PDB file of all heavy atoms in Angstrom:
ATOM      1  N   SER A   1     -19.944   7.824   4.043  1.00  0.00           N
ATOM      2  CA  SER A   1     -19.296   6.557   4.446  1.00  0.00           C
ATOM      3  C   SER A   1     -19.439   5.482   3.389  1.00  0.00           C
ATOM      4  O   SER A   1     -18.510   4.720   3.137  1.00  0.00           O
ATOM      5  CB  SER A   1     -19.894   6.080   5.781  1.00  0.00           C
ATOM      6  OG  SER A   1     -21.282   5.782   5.634  1.00  0.00           O
ATOM      7  N   GLY A   2     -20.619   5.445   2.739  1.00  0.00           N
ATOM      8  CA  GLY A   2     -20.806   4.457   1.683  1.00  0.00           C
ATOM      9  C   GLY A   2     -19.866   4.701   0.509  1.00  0.00           C
ATOM     10  O   GLY A   2     -19.426   3.763  -0.154  1.00  0.00           O
ATOM     11  N   VAL A   3     -19.580   5.980   0.209  1.00  0.00           N
ATOM     12  CA  VAL A   3     -18.694   6.319  -0.884  1.00  0.00           C
ATOM     13  C   VAL A   3     -17.246   6.032  -0.528  1.00  0.00           C
ATOM     14  O   VAL A   3     -16.443   5.573  -1.378  1.00  0.00           O
ATOM     15  CB  VAL A   3     -18.854   7.801  -1.273  1.00  0.00           C
ATOM     16  CG1 VAL A   3     -17.823   8.223  -2.316  1.00  0.00           C
ATOM     17  CG2 VAL A   3     -20.268   8.057  -1.788  1.00  0.00           C
ATOM     18  N   MET A   4     -16.866   6.277   0.720  1.00  0.00           N
ATOM     19  CA  MET A   4     -15.445   6.202   1.114  1.00  0.00           C
ATOM     20  C   MET A   4     -14.971   4.795   1.505  1.00  0.00           C
ATOM     21  O   MET A   4     -13.794   4.529   1.502  1.00  0.00           O
ATOM     22  CB  MET A   4     -15.187   7.159   2.265  1.00  0.00           C
ATOM     23  CG  MET A   4     -15.448   8.619   1.929  1.00  0.00           C
ATOM     24  SD  MET A   4     -14.582   9.189   0.440  1.00  0.00           S
ATOM     25  CE  MET A   4     -12.887   9.067   0.994  1.00  0.00           C
ATOM     26  N   LYS A   5     -15.900   3.909   1.817  1.00  0.00           N
ATOM     27  CA  LYS A   5     -15.478   2.565   2.254  1.00  0.00           C
ATOM     28  C   LYS A   5     -14.667   1.810   1.194  1.00  0.00           C
ATOM     29  O   LYS A   5     -13.707   1.100   1.532  1.00  0.00           O
ATOM     30  CB  LYS A   5     -16.690   1.736   2.683  1.00  0.00           C
ATOM     31  CG  LYS A   5     -17.238   2.130   4.053  1.00  0.00           C
ATOM     32  CD  LYS A   5     -18.457   1.285   4.419  1.00  0.00           C
ATOM     33  CE  LYS A   5     -19.005   1.681   5.795  1.00  0.00           C
ATOM     34  NZ  LYS A   5     -20.204   0.911   6.157  1.00  0.00           N
ATOM     35  N   PRO A   6     -15.001   1.908  -0.106  1.00  0.00           N
ATOM     36  CA  PRO A   6     -14.173   1.224  -1.096  1.00  0.00           C
ATOM     37  C   PRO A   6     -12.766   1.788  -1.193  1.00  0.00           C
ATOM     38  O   PRO A   6     -11.900   1.172  -1.842  1.00  0.00           O
ATOM     39  CB  PRO A   6     -14.937   1.435  -2.412  1.00  0.00           C
ATOM     40  CG  PRO A   6     -16.324   1.799  -2.015  1.00  0.00           C
ATOM     41  CD  PRO A   6     -16.203   2.518  -0.710  1.00  0.00           C
ATOM     42  N   VAL A   7     -12.530   2.956  -0.598  1.00  0.00           N
ATOM     43  CA  VAL A   7     -11.195   3.578  -0.692  1.00  0.00           C
ATOM     44  C   VAL A   7     -10.129   2.706   0.002  1.00  0.00           C
ATOM     45  O   VAL A   7      -8.977   2.658  -0.431  1.00  0.00           O
ATOM     46  CB  VAL A   7     -11.218   5.002  -0.064  1.00  0.00           C
ATOM     47  CG1 VAL A   7      -9.806   5.569   0.016  1.00  0.00           C
ATOM     48  CG2 VAL A   7     -12.099   5.899  -0.891  1.00  0.00           C
ATOM     49  N   LEU A   8     -10.525   1.996   1.061  1.00  0.00           N
ATOM     50  CA  LEU A   8      -9.543   1.198   1.795  1.00  0.00           C
ATOM     51  C   LEU A   8      -8.940   0.065   0.944  1.00  0.00           C
ATOM     52  O   LEU A   8      -7.720   0.009   0.789  1.00  0.00           O
ATOM     53  CB  LEU A   8     -10.182   0.608   3.067  1.00  0.00           C
ATOM     54  CG  LEU A   8      -9.281  -0.271   3.919  1.00  0.00           C
ATOM     55  CD1 LEU A   8      -8.039   0.488   4.372  1.00  0.00           C
ATOM     56  CD2 LEU A   8     -10.046  -0.830   5.128  1.00  0.00           C
ATOM     57  N   PRO A   9      -9.747  -0.838   0.353  1.00  0.00           N
ATOM     58  CA  PRO A   9      -9.125  -1.856  -0.487  1.00  0.00           C
ATOM     59  C   PRO A   9      -8.444  -1.255  -1.719  1.00  0.00           C
ATOM     60  O   PRO A   9      -7.393  -1.753  -2.152  1.00  0.00           O
ATOM     61  CB  PRO A   9     -10.289  -2.761  -0.903  1.00  0.00           C
ATOM     62  CG  PRO A   9     -11.497  -1.940  -0.712  1.00  0.00           C
ATOM     63  CD  PRO A   9     -11.209  -1.035   0.438  1.00  0.00           C
ATOM     64  N   LEU A  10      -9.009  -0.171  -2.255  1.00  0.00           N
ATOM     65  CA  LEU A  10      -8.386   0.465  -3.407  1.00  0.00           C
ATOM     66  C   LEU A  10      -7.010   1.059  -3.031  1.00  0.00           C
ATOM     67  O   LEU A  10      -6.062   0.944  -3.790  1.00  0.00           O
ATOM     68  CB  LEU A  10      -9.271   1.580  -3.940  1.00  0.00           C
ATOM     69  CG  LEU A  10      -8.728   2.404  -5.113  1.00  0.00           C
ATOM     70  CD1 LEU A  10      -8.490   1.507  -6.326  1.00  0.00           C
ATOM     71  CD2 LEU A  10      -9.683   3.540  -5.465  1.00  0.00           C
ATOM     72  N   SER A  11      -6.917   1.614  -1.820  1.00  0.00           N
ATOM     73  CA  SER A  11      -5.643   2.183  -1.363  1.00  0.00           C
ATOM     74  C   SER A  11      -4.568   1.106  -1.225  1.00  0.00           C
ATOM     75  O   SER A  11      -3.400   1.336  -1.549  1.00  0.00           O
ATOM     76  CB  SER A  11      -5.829   2.907  -0.028  1.00  0.00           C
ATOM     77  OG  SER A  11      -6.760   3.955  -0.154  1.00  0.00           O
ATOM     78  N   VAL A  12      -4.969  -0.073  -0.735  1.00  0.00           N
ATOM     79  CA  VAL A  12      -4.028  -1.185  -0.624  1.00  0.00           C
ATOM     80  C   VAL A  12      -3.512  -1.578  -2.009  1.00  0.00           C
ATOM     81  O   VAL A  12      -2.284  -1.755  -2.223  1.00  0.00           O
ATOM     82  CB  VAL A  12      -4.699  -2.393   0.069  1.00  0.00           C
ATOM     83  CG1 VAL A  12      -3.751  -3.611   0.068  1.00  0.00           C
ATOM     84  CG2 VAL A  12      -5.081  -2.043   1.504  1.00  0.00           C
ATOM     85  N   TYR A  13      -4.420  -1.728  -2.966  1.00  0.00           N
ATOM     86  CA  TYR A  13      -4.013  -2.075  -4.330  1.00  0.00           C
ATOM     87  C   TYR A  13      -3.115  -1.000  -4.912  1.00  0.00           C
ATOM     88  O   TYR A  13      -2.095  -1.301  -5.546  1.00  0.00           O
ATOM     89  CB  TYR A  13      -5.250  -2.237  -5.198  1.00  0.00           C
ATOM     90  CG  TYR A  13      -5.801  -3.644  -5.256  1.00  0.00           C
ATOM     91  CD1 TYR A  13      -5.948  -4.403  -4.121  1.00  0.00           C
ATOM     92  CD2 TYR A  13      -6.178  -4.223  -6.461  1.00  0.00           C
ATOM     93  CE1 TYR A  13      -6.461  -5.697  -4.147  1.00  0.00           C
ATOM     94  CE2 TYR A  13      -6.688  -5.493  -6.540  1.00  0.00           C
ATOM     95  CZ  TYR A  13      -6.833  -6.231  -5.399  1.00  0.00           C
ATOM     96  OH  TYR A  13      -7.323  -7.508  -5.456  1.00  0.00           O
ATOM     97  N   VAL A  14      -3.496   0.264  -4.726  1.00  0.00           N
ATOM     98  CA  VAL A  14      -2.694   1.373  -5.269  1.00  0.00           C
ATOM     99  C   VAL A  14      -1.284   1.388  -4.659  1.00  0.00           C
ATOM    100  O   VAL A  14      -0.305   1.549  -5.396  1.00  0.00           O
ATOM    101  CB  VAL A  14      -3.409   2.728  -5.009  1.00  0.00           C
ATOM    102  CG1 VAL A  14      -2.447   3.907  -5.287  1.00  0.00           C
ATOM    103  CG2 VAL A  14      -4.641   2.834  -5.892  1.00  0.00           C
ATOM    104  N   GLY A  15      -1.196   1.166  -3.363  1.00  0.00           N
ATOM    105  CA  GLY A  15       0.118   1.131  -2.727  1.00  0.00           C
ATOM    106  C   GLY A  15       0.992   0.031  -3.273  1.00  0.00           C
ATOM    107  O   GLY A  15       2.203   0.221  -3.522  1.00  0.00           O
ATOM    108  N   LEU A  16       0.420  -1.144  -3.491  1.00  0.00           N
ATOM    109  CA  LEU A  16       1.172  -2.275  -4.025  1.00  0.00           C
ATOM    110  C   LEU A  16       1.579  -2.031  -5.484  1.00  0.00           C
ATOM    111  O   LEU A  16       2.670  -2.399  -5.918  1.00  0.00           O
ATOM    112  CB  LEU A  16       0.354  -3.554  -3.928  1.00  0.00           C
ATOM    113  CG  LEU A  16       0.112  -4.068  -2.480  1.00  0.00           C
ATOM    114  CD1 LEU A  16      -0.866  -5.224  -2.474  1.00  0.00           C
ATOM    115  CD2 LEU A  16       1.433  -4.475  -1.832  1.00  0.00           C
ATOM    116  N   LEU A  17       0.685  -1.399  -6.268  1.00  0.00           N
ATOM    117  CA  LEU A  17       0.991  -1.114  -7.666  1.00  0.00           C
ATOM    118  C   LEU A  17       2.104  -0.063  -7.780  1.00  0.00           C
ATOM    119  O   LEU A  17       2.995  -0.206  -8.642  1.00  0.00           O
ATOM    120  CB  LEU A  17      -0.281  -0.630  -8.376  1.00  0.00           C
ATOM    121  CG  LEU A  17      -1.325  -1.696  -8.679  1.00  0.00           C
ATOM    122  CD1 LEU A  17      -2.620  -1.045  -9.141  1.00  0.00           C
ATOM    123  CD2 LEU A  17      -0.826  -2.681  -9.734  1.00  0.00           C
ATOM    124  N   ILE A  18       2.048   0.939  -6.939  1.00  0.00           N
ATOM    125  CA  ILE A  18       3.099   1.978  -6.975  1.00  0.00           C
ATOM    126  C   ILE A  18       4.438   1.394  -6.573  1.00  0.00           C
ATOM    127  O   ILE A  18       5.506   1.799  -7.041  1.00  0.00           O
ATOM    128  CB  ILE A  18       2.713   3.156  -6.058  1.00  0.00           C
ATOM    129  CG1 ILE A  18       1.513   3.901  -6.639  1.00  0.00           C
ATOM    130  CG2 ILE A  18       3.875   4.101  -5.873  1.00  0.00           C
ATOM    131  CD1 ILE A  18       1.755   4.517  -7.993  1.00  0.00           C
ATOM    132  N   SER A  19       4.419   0.353  -5.709  1.00  0.00           N
ATOM    133  CA  SER A  19       5.681  -0.265  -5.263  1.00  0.00           C
ATOM    134  C   SER A  19       6.347  -1.046  -6.389  1.00  0.00           C
ATOM    135  O   SER A  19       7.548  -1.329  -6.310  1.00  0.00           O
ATOM    136  CB  SER A  19       5.408  -1.188  -4.069  1.00  0.00           C
ATOM    137  OG  SER A  19       4.852  -0.460  -2.974  1.00  0.00           O
ATOM    138  N   GLN A  20       5.605  -1.413  -7.442  1.00  0.00           N
ATOM    139  CA  GLN A  20       6.199  -2.275  -8.465  1.00  0.00           C
ATOM    140  C   GLN A  20       7.239  -1.557  -9.372  1.00  0.00           C
ATOM    141  O   GLN A  20       8.209  -2.248  -9.733  1.00  0.00           O
ATOM    142  CB  GLN A  20       5.073  -2.837  -9.330  1.00  0.00           C
ATOM    143  CG  GLN A  20       4.190  -3.777  -8.555  1.00  0.00           C
ATOM    144  CD  GLN A  20       3.079  -4.399  -9.399  1.00  0.00           C
ATOM    145  OE1 GLN A  20       2.997  -4.212 -10.609  1.00  0.00           O
ATOM    146  NE2 GLN A  20       2.205  -5.134  -8.752  1.00  0.00           N
ATOM    147  N   PRO A  21       7.197  -0.364  -9.883  1.00  0.00           N
ATOM    148  CA  PRO A  21       6.055   0.558  -9.899  1.00  0.00           C
ATOM    149  C   PRO A  21       5.234   0.368 -11.168  1.00  0.00           C
ATOM    150  O   PRO A  21       5.765   0.011 -12.221  1.00  0.00           O
ATOM    151  CB  PRO A  21       6.742   1.927  -9.910  1.00  0.00           C
ATOM    152  CG  PRO A  21       8.015   1.677 -10.633  1.00  0.00           C
ATOM    153  CD  PRO A  21       8.398   0.268 -10.372  1.00  0.00           C
ATOM    154  N   ASP A  22       3.918   0.700 -11.088  1.00  0.00           N
ATOM    155  CA  ASP A  22       3.032   0.599 -12.239  1.00  0.00           C
ATOM    156  C   ASP A  22       2.028   1.725 -12.175  1.00  0.00           C
ATOM    157  O   ASP A  22       0.876   1.565 -11.760  1.00  0.00           O
ATOM    158  CB  ASP A  22       2.308  -0.775 -12.259  1.00  0.00           C
ATOM    159  CG  ASP A  22       1.725  -1.082 -13.636  1.00  0.00           C
ATOM    160  OD1 ASP A  22       1.533  -0.130 -14.396  1.00  0.00           O
ATOM    161  OD2 ASP A  22       1.466  -2.264 -13.902  1.00  0.00           O
ATOM    162  N   PHE A  23       2.482   2.918 -12.582  1.00  0.00           N
ATOM    163  CA  PHE A  23       1.659   4.118 -12.451  1.00  0.00           C
ATOM    164  C   PHE A  23       0.476   4.084 -13.410  1.00  0.00           C
ATOM    165  O   PHE A  23      -0.606   4.581 -13.087  1.00  0.00           O
ATOM    166  CB  PHE A  23       2.525   5.363 -12.720  1.00  0.00           C
ATOM    167  CG  PHE A  23       1.816   6.656 -12.459  1.00  0.00           C
ATOM    168  CD1 PHE A  23       1.467   7.044 -11.187  1.00  0.00           C
ATOM    169  CD2 PHE A  23       1.501   7.493 -13.507  1.00  0.00           C
ATOM    170  CE1 PHE A  23       0.814   8.246 -10.965  1.00  0.00           C
ATOM    171  CE2 PHE A  23       0.865   8.703 -13.297  1.00  0.00           C
ATOM    172  CZ  PHE A  23       0.510   9.063 -12.009  1.00  0.00           C
ATOM    173  N   GLY A  24       0.646   3.533 -14.608  1.00  0.00           N
ATOM    174  CA  GLY A  24      -0.398   3.485 -15.594  1.00  0.00           C
ATOM    175  C   GLY A  24      -1.614   2.683 -15.116  1.00  0.00           C
ATOM    176  O   GLY A  24      -2.753   3.150 -15.202  1.00  0.00           O
ATOM    177  N   VAL A  25      -1.372   1.454 -14.615  1.00  0.00           N
ATOM    178  CA  VAL A  25      -2.461   0.626 -14.109  1.00  0.00           C
ATOM    179  C   VAL A  25      -3.126   1.293 -12.903  1.00  0.00           C
ATOM    180  O   VAL A  25      -4.334   1.206 -12.682  1.00  0.00           O
ATOM    181  CB  VAL A  25      -1.938  -0.770 -13.750  1.00  0.00           C
ATOM    182  CG1 VAL A  25      -3.022  -1.578 -13.043  1.00  0.00           C
ATOM    183  CG2 VAL A  25      -1.507  -1.508 -15.009  1.00  0.00           C
ATOM    184  N   THR A  26      -2.309   1.978 -12.080  1.00  0.00           N
ATOM    185  CA  THR A  26      -2.848   2.689 -10.923  1.00  0.00           C
ATOM    186  C   THR A  26      -3.880   3.728 -11.355  1.00  0.00           C
ATOM    187  O   THR A  26      -4.973   3.804 -10.774  1.00  0.00           O
ATOM    188  CB  THR A  26      -1.728   3.397 -10.123  1.00  0.00           C
ATOM    189  OG1 THR A  26      -0.785   2.409  -9.695  1.00  0.00           O
ATOM    190  CG2 THR A  26      -2.268   4.126  -8.930  1.00  0.00           C
ATOM    191  N   VAL A  27      -3.550   4.522 -12.356  1.00  0.00           N
ATOM    192  CA  VAL A  27      -4.481   5.554 -12.841  1.00  0.00           C
ATOM    193  C   VAL A  27      -5.746   4.906 -13.392  1.00  0.00           C
ATOM    194  O   VAL A  27      -6.874   5.354 -13.115  1.00  0.00           O
ATOM    195  CB  VAL A  27      -3.800   6.438 -13.895  1.00  0.00           C
ATOM    196  CG1 VAL A  27      -4.791   7.367 -14.557  1.00  0.00           C
ATOM    197  CG2 VAL A  27      -2.653   7.225 -13.275  1.00  0.00           C
ATOM    198  N   VAL A  28      -5.602   3.840 -14.212  1.00  0.00           N
ATOM    199  CA  VAL A  28      -6.764   3.175 -14.788  1.00  0.00           C
ATOM    200  C   VAL A  28      -7.659   2.608 -13.692  1.00  0.00           C
ATOM    201  O   VAL A  28      -8.894   2.754 -13.760  1.00  0.00           O
ATOM    202  CB  VAL A  28      -6.289   2.053 -15.747  1.00  0.00           C
ATOM    203  CG1 VAL A  28      -7.480   1.188 -16.163  1.00  0.00           C
ATOM    204  CG2 VAL A  28      -5.607   2.630 -16.969  1.00  0.00           C
ATOM    205  N   LEU A  29      -7.060   1.988 -12.665  1.00  0.00           N
ATOM    206  CA  LEU A  29      -7.861   1.378 -11.603  1.00  0.00           C
ATOM    207  C   LEU A  29      -8.595   2.442 -10.790  1.00  0.00           C
ATOM    208  O   LEU A  29      -9.776   2.262 -10.463  1.00  0.00           O
ATOM    209  CB  LEU A  29      -6.942   0.552 -10.698  1.00  0.00           C
ATOM    210  CG  LEU A  29      -7.624  -0.398  -9.714  1.00  0.00           C
ATOM    211  CD1 LEU A  29      -8.508  -1.388 -10.468  1.00  0.00           C
ATOM    212  CD2 LEU A  29      -6.606  -1.130  -8.878  1.00  0.00           C
ATOM    213  N   MET A  30      -7.932   3.525 -10.470  1.00  0.00           N
ATOM    214  CA  MET A  30      -8.578   4.610  -9.711  1.00  0.00           C
ATOM    215  C   MET A  30      -9.749   5.210 -10.497  1.00  0.00           C
ATOM    216  O   MET A  30     -10.827   5.426  -9.954  1.00  0.00           O
ATOM    217  CB  MET A  30      -7.557   5.691  -9.365  1.00  0.00           C
ATOM    218  CG  MET A  30      -6.523   5.267  -8.342  1.00  0.00           C
ATOM    219  SD  MET A  30      -5.208   6.505  -8.091  1.00  0.00           S
ATOM    220  CE  MET A  30      -6.143   7.881  -7.475  1.00  0.00           C
ATOM    221  N   CYS A  31      -9.536   5.457 -11.780  1.00  0.00           N
ATOM    222  CA  CYS A  31     -10.610   6.010 -12.611  1.00  0.00           C
ATOM    223  C   CYS A  31     -11.768   5.026 -12.763  1.00  0.00           C
ATOM    224  O   CYS A  31     -12.939   5.431 -12.772  1.00  0.00           O
ATOM    225  CB  CYS A  31     -10.067   6.379 -13.989  1.00  0.00           C
ATOM    226  SG  CYS A  31      -8.902   7.776 -13.991  1.00  0.00           S
ATOM    227  N   THR A  32     -11.459   3.735 -12.851  1.00  0.00           N
ATOM    228  CA  THR A  32     -12.497   2.734 -12.990  1.00  0.00           C
ATOM    229  C   THR A  32     -13.374   2.667 -11.747  1.00  0.00           C
ATOM    230  O   THR A  32     -14.617   2.663 -11.868  1.00  0.00           O
ATOM    231  CB  THR A  32     -11.837   1.348 -13.253  1.00  0.00           C
ATOM    232  OG1 THR A  32     -11.118   1.377 -14.475  1.00  0.00           O
ATOM    233  CG2 THR A  32     -12.908   0.248 -13.300  1.00  0.00           C
ATOM    234  N   VAL A  33     -12.775   2.636 -10.580  1.00  0.00           N
ATOM    235  CA  VAL A  33     -13.541   2.572  -9.349  1.00  0.00           C
ATOM    236  C   VAL A  33     -14.378   3.845  -9.175  1.00  0.00           C
ATOM    237  O   VAL A  33     -15.565   3.783  -8.823  1.00  0.00           O
ATOM    238  CB  VAL A  33     -12.610   2.381  -8.137  1.00  0.00           C
ATOM    239  CG1 VAL A  33     -13.393   2.509  -6.829  1.00  0.00           C
ATOM    240  CG2 VAL A  33     -11.961   1.010  -8.216  1.00  0.00           C
ATOM    241  N   MET A  34     -13.805   5.008  -9.441  1.00  0.00           N
ATOM    242  CA  MET A  34     -14.566   6.255  -9.332  1.00  0.00           C
ATOM    243  C   MET A  34     -15.737   6.254 -10.312  1.00  0.00           C
ATOM    244  O   MET A  34     -16.850   6.697  -9.987  1.00  0.00           O
ATOM    245  CB  MET A  34     -13.658   7.458  -9.586  1.00  0.00           C
ATOM    246  CG  MET A  34     -12.746   7.795  -8.428  1.00  0.00           C
ATOM    247  SD  MET A  34     -11.970   9.431  -8.603  1.00  0.00           S
ATOM    248  CE  MET A  34     -10.926   9.157 -10.009  1.00  0.00           C
ATOM    249  N   GLY A  35     -15.513   5.755 -11.538  1.00  0.00           N
ATOM    250  CA  GLY A  35     -16.581   5.713 -12.531  1.00  0.00           C
ATOM    251  C   GLY A  35     -17.696   4.779 -12.124  1.00  0.00           C
ATOM    252  O   GLY A  35     -18.894   5.105 -12.288  1.00  0.00           O
ATOM    253  N   MET A  36     -17.357   3.629 -11.554  1.00  0.00           N
ATOM    254  CA  MET A  36     -18.373   2.663 -11.108  1.00  0.00           C
ATOM    255  C   MET A  36     -19.206   3.265  -9.979  1.00  0.00           C
ATOM    256  O   MET A  36     -20.442   3.142  -9.966  1.00  0.00           O
ATOM    257  CB  MET A  36     -17.698   1.367 -10.665  1.00  0.00           C
ATOM    258  CG  MET A  36     -17.070   0.565 -11.782  1.00  0.00           C
ATOM    259  SD  MET A  36     -16.172  -0.881 -11.162  1.00  0.00           S
ATOM    260  CE  MET A  36     -17.533  -1.891 -10.556  1.00  0.00           C
ATOM    261  N   VAL A  37     -18.556   3.872  -9.006  1.00  0.00           N
ATOM    262  CA  VAL A  37     -19.275   4.453  -7.884  1.00  0.00           C
ATOM    263  C   VAL A  37     -20.173   5.606  -8.351  1.00  0.00           C
ATOM    264  O   VAL A  37     -21.314   5.750  -7.907  1.00  0.00           O
ATOM    265  CB  VAL A  37     -18.292   4.945  -6.798  1.00  0.00           C
ATOM    266  CG1 VAL A  37     -19.036   5.648  -5.675  1.00  0.00           C
ATOM    267  CG2 VAL A  37     -17.498   3.761  -6.234  1.00  0.00           C
ATOM    268  N   PHE A  38     -19.687   6.409  -9.308  1.00  0.00           N
ATOM    269  CA  PHE A  38     -20.494   7.503  -9.837  1.00  0.00           C
ATOM    270  C   PHE A  38     -21.747   6.985 -10.522  1.00  0.00           C
ATOM    271  O   PHE A  38     -22.861   7.481 -10.309  1.00  0.00           O
ATOM    272  CB  PHE A  38     -19.667   8.352 -10.784  1.00  0.00           C
ATOM    273  CG  PHE A  38     -20.455   9.413 -11.466  1.00  0.00           C
ATOM    274  CD1 PHE A  38     -20.926  10.511 -10.746  1.00  0.00           C
ATOM    275  CD2 PHE A  38     -20.751   9.332 -12.827  1.00  0.00           C
ATOM    276  CE1 PHE A  38     -21.668  11.511 -11.381  1.00  0.00           C
ATOM    277  CE2 PHE A  38     -21.485  10.312 -13.456  1.00  0.00           C
ATOM    278  CZ  PHE A  38     -21.939  11.405 -12.739  1.00  0.00           C
TER     279      PHE A  38
END
């Protein structure tokens, strides 16, 4: 649960970024959050 809770705000950001669309920033942001949690 501690690992998955940040997924909610990240999912909101990812959804908004894909709507622009901005796939590059989406990938960078997802990798950044995963790296920080790791």
